[in-house]
Amino acid sequence: MKKSRSTIIVRPTARVLLLDGADRILLMNGRLPGASGPGAWFTIGGGLEADETWLEAAAREIVEETGITAFELGPIVWAREGVLNIPHPVVFDERYMVARCDGCEPSREAWAAHESELIDDIRWWTIPDLAATSDPVFPPGLAHRLPPIAAGEYPAEPVVIPWG
């Protein structure tokens, strides 16, 4: 995490739209630290480490969070920024990139203790199942934004998508 001049922490975060050969997306379900109750579904990913690029962080997160090592990393397609209070305000500066793999059962072996505590589930979703769920999913609108990406229609520049 980096601190800006105003002492608000800015966290550059690589998010991954990890798709398999059937255009299913791998999502995790979990909660923020200190939160209770049911969680939300969200994409693979996490914060950039020192001197990491967005793509390097995405590749590392795929391996750490899924155990999948054979994948093809594509372009950054979306950007999003917003504040979460965890417990102090943190600005999440997110980039969403596409990755493709053959699809397999994800592994939790490399999860850190806090990830095991906060993550309840990880599974593949079809786009119709994602569109039909009443569960909270992040980023909002994922089900309707995903079909062109799954079809290989990538924007020339990352599209800014809303935080909420």
N, C-alpha and C. Protein backbone atom coordinates (compact mmCIF):
# COMPACT_ATOMS: atom_id res chain seq x y z
N MET A 1 0.84 -1.18 0.00
CA MET A 1 0.00 0.00 0.00
C MET A 1 0.88 1.23 0.00
N LYS A 2 0.41 2.24 -0.65
CA LYS A 2 1.14 3.50 -0.73
C LYS A 2 0.34 4.58 -0.05
N LYS A 3 1.04 5.52 0.60
CA LYS A 3 0.36 6.65 1.22
C LYS A 3 0.50 7.85 0.30
N SER A 4 -0.60 8.56 0.12
CA SER A 4 -0.56 9.78 -0.66
C SER A 4 -0.21 10.94 0.26
N ARG A 5 -0.07 12.12 -0.32
CA ARG A 5 0.28 13.29 0.48
C ARG A 5 -0.75 13.60 1.56
N SER A 6 -2.00 13.27 1.34
CA SER A 6 -3.03 13.58 2.32
C SER A 6 -3.18 12.48 3.36
N THR A 7 -2.25 11.57 3.43
CA THR A 7 -2.19 10.43 4.35
C THR A 7 -3.29 9.39 4.13
N ILE A 8 -4.06 9.54 3.06
CA ILE A 8 -5.00 8.48 2.71
C ILE A 8 -4.20 7.41 1.98
N ILE A 9 -4.41 6.18 2.37
CA ILE A 9 -3.70 5.08 1.75
C ILE A 9 -4.34 4.77 0.40
N VAL A 10 -3.50 4.62 -0.63
CA VAL A 10 -3.94 4.21 -1.95
C VAL A 10 -3.39 2.81 -2.19
N ARG A 11 -4.27 1.89 -2.55
CA ARG A 11 -3.86 0.50 -2.75
C ARG A 11 -4.08 0.11 -4.22
N PRO A 12 -3.00 0.14 -5.03
CA PRO A 12 -3.13 -0.37 -6.40
C PRO A 12 -3.44 -1.86 -6.33
N THR A 13 -4.48 -2.28 -7.04
CA THR A 13 -4.97 -3.64 -6.93
C THR A 13 -5.20 -4.23 -8.32
N ALA A 14 -4.59 -5.39 -8.56
CA ALA A 14 -4.78 -6.12 -9.82
C ALA A 14 -5.94 -7.09 -9.63
N ARG A 15 -6.96 -6.98 -10.45
CA ARG A 15 -8.11 -7.88 -10.42
C ARG A 15 -8.09 -8.70 -11.71
N VAL A 16 -8.50 -9.95 -11.64
CA VAL A 16 -8.38 -10.85 -12.78
C VAL A 16 -9.73 -11.44 -13.17
N LEU A 17 -10.06 -11.29 -14.44
CA LEU A 17 -11.23 -11.93 -15.03
C LEU A 17 -10.72 -13.26 -15.58
N LEU A 18 -10.61 -14.27 -14.70
CA LEU A 18 -10.04 -15.57 -15.06
C LEU A 18 -11.14 -16.44 -15.68
N LEU A 19 -11.01 -16.69 -16.97
CA LEU A 19 -12.01 -17.43 -17.73
C LEU A 19 -11.44 -18.77 -18.19
N ASP A 20 -12.30 -19.77 -18.20
CA ASP A 20 -11.88 -21.08 -18.72
C ASP A 20 -12.37 -21.24 -20.16
N GLY A 21 -12.15 -22.41 -20.74
CA GLY A 21 -12.51 -22.66 -22.13
C GLY A 21 -14.00 -22.60 -22.41
N ALA A 22 -14.83 -22.74 -21.37
CA ALA A 22 -16.29 -22.64 -21.52
C ALA A 22 -16.80 -21.24 -21.17
N ASP A 23 -15.89 -20.28 -21.05
CA ASP A 23 -16.21 -18.89 -20.70
C ASP A 23 -16.82 -18.75 -19.31
N ARG A 24 -16.49 -19.69 -18.41
CA ARG A 24 -16.87 -19.53 -17.01
C ARG A 24 -15.82 -18.65 -16.35
N ILE A 25 -16.24 -17.88 -15.34
CA ILE A 25 -15.32 -17.02 -14.60
C ILE A 25 -15.14 -17.57 -13.19
N LEU A 26 -13.92 -17.51 -12.70
CA LEU A 26 -13.63 -17.98 -11.34
C LEU A 26 -13.78 -16.81 -10.37
N LEU A 27 -14.66 -16.99 -9.38
CA LEU A 27 -14.91 -15.96 -8.37
C LEU A 27 -14.72 -16.54 -6.98
N MET A 28 -14.38 -15.66 -6.06
CA MET A 28 -14.24 -16.02 -4.65
C MET A 28 -15.38 -15.36 -3.88
N ASN A 29 -15.76 -15.98 -2.76
CA ASN A 29 -16.78 -15.40 -1.90
C ASN A 29 -16.15 -15.17 -0.53
N GLY A 30 -16.25 -13.95 -0.05
CA GLY A 30 -15.67 -13.65 1.25
C GLY A 30 -16.10 -12.31 1.78
N ARG A 31 -15.48 -11.95 2.90
CA ARG A 31 -15.82 -10.72 3.63
C ARG A 31 -14.57 -9.88 3.86
N LEU A 32 -14.79 -8.62 4.11
CA LEU A 32 -13.70 -7.73 4.51
C LEU A 32 -13.33 -8.00 5.97
N PRO A 33 -12.10 -7.69 6.37
CA PRO A 33 -11.74 -7.86 7.78
C PRO A 33 -12.69 -7.10 8.68
N GLY A 34 -13.14 -7.74 9.74
CA GLY A 34 -14.04 -7.11 10.70
C GLY A 34 -15.51 -7.23 10.34
N ALA A 35 -15.82 -7.67 9.13
CA ALA A 35 -17.22 -7.82 8.72
C ALA A 35 -17.74 -9.18 9.15
N SER A 36 -19.03 -9.25 9.39
CA SER A 36 -19.65 -10.52 9.74
C SER A 36 -20.81 -10.76 8.77
N GLY A 37 -21.35 -11.95 8.81
CA GLY A 37 -22.46 -12.28 7.94
C GLY A 37 -21.99 -12.78 6.60
N PRO A 38 -22.94 -12.95 5.67
CA PRO A 38 -22.57 -13.49 4.36
C PRO A 38 -21.67 -12.53 3.61
N GLY A 39 -20.83 -13.09 2.77
CA GLY A 39 -19.90 -12.28 2.01
C GLY A 39 -20.44 -11.93 0.64
N ALA A 40 -19.55 -11.55 -0.23
CA ALA A 40 -19.87 -11.20 -1.61
C ALA A 40 -18.91 -11.96 -2.52
N TRP A 41 -19.31 -12.12 -3.77
CA TRP A 41 -18.48 -12.74 -4.79
C TRP A 41 -17.63 -11.67 -5.45
N PHE A 42 -16.37 -12.00 -5.73
CA PHE A 42 -15.47 -11.04 -6.35
C PHE A 42 -14.40 -11.79 -7.14
N THR A 43 -13.71 -11.05 -7.99
CA THR A 43 -12.71 -11.65 -8.85
C THR A 43 -11.42 -11.95 -8.09
N ILE A 44 -10.63 -12.81 -8.68
CA ILE A 44 -9.29 -13.13 -8.17
C ILE A 44 -8.48 -11.84 -8.19
N GLY A 45 -7.55 -11.69 -7.26
CA GLY A 45 -6.65 -10.54 -7.34
C GLY A 45 -6.26 -10.00 -5.99
N GLY A 46 -5.39 -9.00 -6.01
CA GLY A 46 -4.92 -8.38 -4.79
C GLY A 46 -3.96 -7.25 -5.07
N GLY A 47 -3.41 -6.72 -4.01
CA GLY A 47 -2.54 -5.55 -4.09
C GLY A 47 -1.21 -5.82 -4.77
N LEU A 48 -0.70 -4.79 -5.43
CA LEU A 48 0.61 -4.86 -6.05
C LEU A 48 1.68 -4.83 -4.97
N GLU A 49 2.71 -5.62 -5.15
CA GLU A 49 3.87 -5.58 -4.28
C GLU A 49 4.87 -4.58 -4.86
N ALA A 50 5.89 -4.23 -4.08
CA ALA A 50 6.88 -3.25 -4.51
C ALA A 50 7.44 -3.60 -5.89
N ASP A 51 7.48 -2.61 -6.76
CA ASP A 51 8.06 -2.74 -8.10
C ASP A 51 7.35 -3.73 -9.02
N GLU A 52 6.15 -4.16 -8.67
CA GLU A 52 5.38 -5.06 -9.53
C GLU A 52 4.55 -4.25 -10.51
N THR A 53 4.39 -4.77 -11.71
CA THR A 53 3.45 -4.19 -12.67
C THR A 53 2.07 -4.79 -12.41
N TRP A 54 1.05 -4.20 -13.03
CA TRP A 54 -0.30 -4.73 -12.89
C TRP A 54 -0.34 -6.20 -13.35
N LEU A 55 0.29 -6.48 -14.49
CA LEU A 55 0.25 -7.84 -15.03
C LEU A 55 1.06 -8.82 -14.18
N GLU A 56 2.18 -8.39 -13.65
CA GLU A 56 2.96 -9.26 -12.77
C GLU A 56 2.16 -9.60 -11.51
N ALA A 57 1.49 -8.60 -10.95
CA ALA A 57 0.67 -8.84 -9.76
C ALA A 57 -0.48 -9.79 -10.08
N ALA A 58 -1.11 -9.60 -11.24
CA ALA A 58 -2.21 -10.48 -11.63
C ALA A 58 -1.73 -11.92 -11.76
N ALA A 59 -0.60 -12.12 -12.40
CA ALA A 59 -0.06 -13.48 -12.57
C ALA A 59 0.25 -14.11 -11.21
N ARG A 60 0.86 -13.35 -10.32
CA ARG A 60 1.17 -13.87 -8.98
C ARG A 60 -0.10 -14.23 -8.22
N GLU A 61 -1.10 -13.35 -8.28
CA GLU A 61 -2.36 -13.60 -7.57
C GLU A 61 -3.08 -14.84 -8.10
N ILE A 62 -3.06 -15.05 -9.41
CA ILE A 62 -3.71 -16.25 -9.97
C ILE A 62 -3.09 -17.50 -9.33
N VAL A 63 -1.77 -17.56 -9.31
CA VAL A 63 -1.09 -18.74 -8.76
C VAL A 63 -1.37 -18.88 -7.27
N GLU A 64 -1.23 -17.78 -6.52
CA GLU A 64 -1.43 -17.84 -5.07
C GLU A 64 -2.87 -18.18 -4.69
N GLU A 65 -3.83 -17.60 -5.37
CA GLU A 65 -5.23 -17.76 -4.94
C GLU A 65 -5.93 -18.96 -5.55
N THR A 66 -5.39 -19.51 -6.66
CA THR A 66 -6.07 -20.62 -7.32
C THR A 66 -5.22 -21.87 -7.47
N GLY A 67 -3.90 -21.73 -7.41
CA GLY A 67 -3.01 -22.85 -7.70
C GLY A 67 -2.85 -23.11 -9.18
N ILE A 68 -3.54 -22.36 -10.01
CA ILE A 68 -3.45 -22.54 -11.47
C ILE A 68 -2.17 -21.88 -11.96
N THR A 69 -1.36 -22.64 -12.68
CA THR A 69 -0.08 -22.11 -13.16
C THR A 69 -0.03 -21.99 -14.68
N ALA A 70 -0.95 -22.66 -15.37
CA ALA A 70 -0.99 -22.58 -16.83
C ALA A 70 -2.13 -21.67 -17.25
N PHE A 71 -1.78 -20.45 -17.63
CA PHE A 71 -2.79 -19.47 -18.05
C PHE A 71 -2.14 -18.49 -19.01
N GLU A 72 -2.98 -17.83 -19.77
CA GLU A 72 -2.53 -16.78 -20.68
C GLU A 72 -3.12 -15.47 -20.19
N LEU A 73 -2.26 -14.53 -19.89
CA LEU A 73 -2.69 -13.25 -19.35
C LEU A 73 -2.91 -12.27 -20.50
N GLY A 74 -4.08 -11.64 -20.50
CA GLY A 74 -4.43 -10.71 -21.56
C GLY A 74 -4.36 -9.27 -21.10
N PRO A 75 -5.06 -8.41 -21.80
CA PRO A 75 -4.94 -6.98 -21.53
C PRO A 75 -5.77 -6.52 -20.32
N ILE A 76 -5.45 -5.32 -19.89
CA ILE A 76 -6.27 -4.62 -18.90
C ILE A 76 -7.47 -4.07 -19.66
N VAL A 77 -8.68 -4.41 -19.19
CA VAL A 77 -9.89 -4.01 -19.91
C VAL A 77 -10.73 -2.99 -19.15
N TRP A 78 -10.63 -2.98 -17.81
CA TRP A 78 -11.41 -2.06 -17.00
C TRP A 78 -10.54 -1.44 -15.92
N ALA A 79 -10.96 -0.26 -15.46
CA ALA A 79 -10.33 0.40 -14.31
C ALA A 79 -11.46 0.88 -13.40
N ARG A 80 -11.19 0.86 -12.11
CA ARG A 80 -12.21 1.25 -11.12
C ARG A 80 -11.49 1.79 -9.90
N GLU A 81 -12.08 2.80 -9.25
CA GLU A 81 -11.48 3.35 -8.04
C GLU A 81 -12.58 3.69 -7.05
N GLY A 82 -12.28 3.38 -5.78
CA GLY A 82 -13.24 3.70 -4.73
C GLY A 82 -12.62 3.53 -3.36
N VAL A 83 -13.34 3.95 -2.35
CA VAL A 83 -12.84 3.94 -0.98
C VAL A 83 -13.56 2.86 -0.17
N LEU A 84 -12.78 2.09 0.57
CA LEU A 84 -13.31 1.15 1.56
C LEU A 84 -12.74 1.55 2.92
N ASN A 85 -13.56 1.45 3.95
CA ASN A 85 -13.11 1.75 5.31
C ASN A 85 -12.77 0.42 5.98
N ILE A 86 -11.47 0.09 6.06
CA ILE A 86 -11.04 -1.21 6.58
C ILE A 86 -9.96 -1.10 7.65
N PRO A 87 -10.12 -0.55 8.82
CA PRO A 87 -11.20 0.31 9.29
C PRO A 87 -11.01 1.76 8.89
N HIS A 88 -9.82 2.13 8.45
CA HIS A 88 -9.57 3.50 8.00
C HIS A 88 -9.76 3.57 6.49
N PRO A 89 -10.05 4.74 5.95
CA PRO A 89 -10.28 4.84 4.51
C PRO A 89 -9.06 4.41 3.70
N VAL A 90 -9.30 3.55 2.73
CA VAL A 90 -8.28 3.11 1.78
C VAL A 90 -8.86 3.28 0.38
N VAL A 91 -8.12 3.95 -0.49
CA VAL A 91 -8.53 4.12 -1.88
C VAL A 91 -8.03 2.90 -2.65
N PHE A 92 -8.95 2.14 -3.20
CA PHE A 92 -8.59 1.00 -4.04
C PHE A 92 -8.55 1.46 -5.49
N ASP A 93 -7.38 1.39 -6.09
CA ASP A 93 -7.15 1.74 -7.49
C ASP A 93 -7.01 0.42 -8.23
N GLU A 94 -8.12 -0.05 -8.84
CA GLU A 94 -8.17 -1.39 -9.41
C GLU A 94 -8.04 -1.36 -10.94
N ARG A 95 -7.33 -2.38 -11.45
CA ARG A 95 -7.26 -2.65 -12.88
C ARG A 95 -7.71 -4.09 -13.07
N TYR A 96 -8.61 -4.31 -14.02
CA TYR A 96 -9.13 -5.64 -14.31
C TYR A 96 -8.51 -6.13 -15.61
N MET A 97 -7.86 -7.29 -15.53
CA MET A 97 -7.29 -7.85 -16.74
C MET A 97 -7.85 -9.23 -17.00
N VAL A 98 -7.81 -9.62 -18.25
CA VAL A 98 -8.33 -10.90 -18.69
C VAL A 98 -7.23 -11.95 -18.57
N ALA A 99 -7.60 -13.15 -18.16
CA ALA A 99 -6.70 -14.30 -18.19
C ALA A 99 -7.52 -15.50 -18.64
N ARG A 100 -6.89 -16.38 -19.37
CA ARG A 100 -7.53 -17.60 -19.87
C ARG A 100 -6.76 -18.81 -19.38
N CYS A 101 -7.51 -19.86 -19.01
CA CYS A 101 -6.90 -21.12 -18.59
C CYS A 101 -7.82 -22.25 -19.04
N ASP A 102 -7.35 -23.48 -18.89
CA ASP A 102 -8.16 -24.63 -19.26
C ASP A 102 -9.29 -24.87 -18.28
N GLY A 103 -9.16 -24.37 -17.08
CA GLY A 103 -10.17 -24.61 -16.05
C GLY A 103 -9.85 -25.89 -15.31
N CYS A 104 -9.92 -25.84 -14.02
CA CYS A 104 -9.68 -26.98 -13.16
C CYS A 104 -10.21 -26.62 -11.78
N GLU A 105 -10.15 -27.57 -10.88
CA GLU A 105 -10.57 -27.28 -9.51
C GLU A 105 -9.51 -26.39 -8.87
N PRO A 106 -9.87 -25.20 -8.39
CA PRO A 106 -8.87 -24.33 -7.77
C PRO A 106 -8.36 -24.91 -6.46
N SER A 107 -7.11 -24.59 -6.16
CA SER A 107 -6.47 -25.04 -4.94
C SER A 107 -6.38 -23.89 -3.94
N ARG A 108 -6.52 -24.23 -2.67
CA ARG A 108 -6.41 -23.23 -1.59
C ARG A 108 -5.10 -23.37 -0.83
N GLU A 109 -4.20 -24.20 -1.32
CA GLU A 109 -2.97 -24.53 -0.59
C GLU A 109 -2.08 -23.33 -0.30
N ALA A 110 -2.04 -22.35 -1.18
CA ALA A 110 -1.14 -21.21 -0.99
C ALA A 110 -1.79 -20.04 -0.27
N TRP A 111 -3.02 -20.22 0.22
CA TRP A 111 -3.70 -19.12 0.89
C TRP A 111 -3.03 -18.78 2.20
N ALA A 112 -2.92 -17.49 2.48
CA ALA A 112 -2.44 -17.01 3.77
C ALA A 112 -3.53 -17.27 4.82
N ALA A 113 -3.15 -17.24 6.08
CA ALA A 113 -4.12 -17.51 7.16
C ALA A 113 -5.32 -16.56 7.09
N HIS A 114 -5.06 -15.26 6.85
CA HIS A 114 -6.18 -14.31 6.80
C HIS A 114 -7.10 -14.60 5.61
N GLU A 115 -6.56 -15.12 4.50
CA GLU A 115 -7.41 -15.46 3.36
C GLU A 115 -8.31 -16.65 3.71
N SER A 116 -7.75 -17.65 4.37
CA SER A 116 -8.55 -18.81 4.78
C SER A 116 -9.66 -18.40 5.73
N GLU A 117 -9.39 -17.39 6.54
CA GLU A 117 -10.37 -16.91 7.52
C GLU A 117 -11.49 -16.10 6.85
N LEU A 118 -11.15 -15.32 5.82
CA LEU A 118 -12.10 -14.39 5.22
C LEU A 118 -12.79 -14.92 3.95
N ILE A 119 -12.22 -15.96 3.33
CA ILE A 119 -12.77 -16.50 2.08
C ILE A 119 -13.54 -17.77 2.38
N ASP A 120 -14.82 -17.77 2.02
CA ASP A 120 -15.68 -18.92 2.29
C ASP A 120 -15.77 -19.90 1.13
N ASP A 121 -15.60 -19.41 -0.11
CA ASP A 121 -15.80 -20.28 -1.26
C ASP A 121 -15.04 -19.73 -2.45
N ILE A 122 -14.75 -20.60 -3.39
CA ILE A 122 -14.17 -20.23 -4.68
C ILE A 122 -14.75 -21.21 -5.69
N ARG A 123 -15.31 -20.66 -6.78
CA ARG A 123 -15.91 -21.56 -7.76
C ARG A 123 -16.07 -20.87 -9.11
N TRP A 124 -16.27 -21.71 -10.13
CA TRP A 124 -16.51 -21.25 -11.49
C TRP A 124 -17.99 -20.89 -11.66
N TRP A 125 -18.25 -19.81 -12.38
CA TRP A 125 -19.59 -19.33 -12.66
C TRP A 125 -19.80 -19.22 -14.17
N THR A 126 -20.95 -19.69 -14.66
CA THR A 126 -21.32 -19.38 -16.04
C THR A 126 -21.88 -17.97 -16.05
N ILE A 127 -21.88 -17.35 -17.21
CA ILE A 127 -22.44 -15.99 -17.29
C ILE A 127 -23.93 -16.00 -16.98
N PRO A 128 -24.73 -16.99 -17.47
CA PRO A 128 -26.16 -17.00 -17.09
C PRO A 128 -26.36 -17.17 -15.58
N ASP A 129 -25.56 -18.02 -14.93
CA ASP A 129 -25.69 -18.18 -13.47
C ASP A 129 -25.33 -16.90 -12.75
N LEU A 130 -24.32 -16.21 -13.24
CA LEU A 130 -23.91 -14.94 -12.65
C LEU A 130 -25.03 -13.90 -12.81
N ALA A 131 -25.66 -13.87 -13.97
CA ALA A 131 -26.75 -12.92 -14.22
C ALA A 131 -27.97 -13.23 -13.35
N ALA A 132 -28.15 -14.49 -13.00
CA ALA A 132 -29.35 -14.90 -12.24
C ALA A 132 -29.19 -14.82 -10.73
N THR A 133 -27.96 -14.69 -10.24
CA THR A 133 -27.77 -14.72 -8.79
C THR A 133 -28.28 -13.45 -8.12
N SER A 134 -28.79 -13.64 -6.90
CA SER A 134 -29.17 -12.48 -6.08
C SER A 134 -28.06 -12.15 -5.08
N ASP A 135 -26.98 -12.95 -5.08
CA ASP A 135 -25.84 -12.67 -4.22
C ASP A 135 -25.13 -11.40 -4.67
N PRO A 136 -24.53 -10.66 -3.74
CA PRO A 136 -23.74 -9.50 -4.16
C PRO A 136 -22.49 -9.96 -4.93
N VAL A 137 -22.20 -9.26 -6.03
CA VAL A 137 -21.06 -9.57 -6.89
C VAL A 137 -20.32 -8.27 -7.18
N PHE A 138 -18.99 -8.35 -7.11
CA PHE A 138 -18.15 -7.19 -7.42
C PHE A 138 -17.16 -7.55 -8.52
N PRO A 139 -16.99 -6.65 -9.49
CA PRO A 139 -17.57 -5.32 -9.55
C PRO A 139 -19.05 -5.40 -9.90
N PRO A 140 -19.82 -4.40 -9.47
CA PRO A 140 -21.24 -4.38 -9.82
C PRO A 140 -21.40 -4.39 -11.34
N GLY A 141 -22.40 -5.13 -11.80
CA GLY A 141 -22.65 -5.20 -13.24
C GLY A 141 -21.76 -6.18 -13.97
N LEU A 142 -21.02 -7.02 -13.23
CA LEU A 142 -20.10 -7.96 -13.87
C LEU A 142 -20.80 -8.83 -14.92
N ALA A 143 -21.98 -9.33 -14.60
CA ALA A 143 -22.68 -10.25 -15.51
C ALA A 143 -22.98 -9.61 -16.87
N HIS A 144 -23.32 -8.33 -16.90
CA HIS A 144 -23.61 -7.73 -18.21
C HIS A 144 -22.37 -7.14 -18.88
N ARG A 145 -21.29 -6.91 -18.15
CA ARG A 145 -20.05 -6.42 -18.75
C ARG A 145 -19.18 -7.56 -19.30
N LEU A 146 -19.40 -8.76 -18.80
CA LEU A 146 -18.51 -9.88 -19.11
C LEU A 146 -18.69 -10.49 -20.51
N PRO A 147 -19.90 -10.60 -21.09
CA PRO A 147 -20.03 -11.28 -22.38
C PRO A 147 -19.11 -10.78 -23.50
N PRO A 148 -18.96 -9.47 -23.73
CA PRO A 148 -18.03 -9.08 -24.80
C PRO A 148 -16.58 -9.47 -24.49
N ILE A 149 -16.21 -9.41 -23.21
CA ILE A 149 -14.85 -9.79 -22.82
C ILE A 149 -14.65 -11.28 -23.07
N ALA A 150 -15.63 -12.10 -22.69
CA ALA A 150 -15.54 -13.54 -22.93
C ALA A 150 -15.46 -13.85 -24.42
N ALA A 151 -16.07 -13.01 -25.25
CA ALA A 151 -16.03 -13.18 -26.70
C ALA A 151 -14.74 -12.65 -27.32
N GLY A 152 -13.84 -12.11 -26.49
CA GLY A 152 -12.57 -11.60 -27.00
C GLY A 152 -12.64 -10.19 -27.53
N GLU A 153 -13.70 -9.47 -27.20
CA GLU A 153 -13.86 -8.08 -27.63
C GLU A 153 -13.32 -7.15 -26.54
N TYR A 154 -12.06 -6.77 -26.68
CA TYR A 154 -11.40 -5.96 -25.66
C TYR A 154 -11.34 -4.50 -26.11
N PRO A 155 -11.56 -3.58 -25.19
CA PRO A 155 -11.46 -2.15 -25.55
C PRO A 155 -10.00 -1.78 -25.84
N ALA A 156 -9.82 -0.77 -26.67
CA ALA A 156 -8.47 -0.30 -27.02
C ALA A 156 -7.75 0.25 -25.79
N GLU A 157 -8.49 0.88 -24.91
CA GLU A 157 -7.98 1.41 -23.64
C GLU A 157 -8.90 0.91 -22.53
N PRO A 158 -8.39 0.77 -21.30
CA PRO A 158 -9.28 0.32 -20.20
C PRO A 158 -10.47 1.25 -20.03
N VAL A 159 -11.63 0.65 -19.87
CA VAL A 159 -12.88 1.39 -19.66
C VAL A 159 -13.04 1.61 -18.15
N VAL A 160 -13.34 2.84 -17.77
CA VAL A 160 -13.58 3.14 -16.37
C VAL A 160 -14.99 2.68 -16.02
N ILE A 161 -15.07 1.80 -15.01
CA ILE A 161 -16.37 1.29 -14.57
C ILE A 161 -16.66 1.87 -13.18
N PRO A 162 -17.94 1.96 -12.81
CA PRO A 162 -18.27 2.59 -11.53
C PRO A 162 -17.88 1.74 -10.34
N TRP A 163 -17.60 2.41 -9.25
CA TRP A 163 -17.26 1.75 -7.99
C TRP A 163 -18.48 1.05 -7.38
N GLY A 164 -19.58 1.77 -7.31
CA GLY A 164 -20.76 1.22 -6.65
C GLY A 164 -21.91 0.94 -7.56
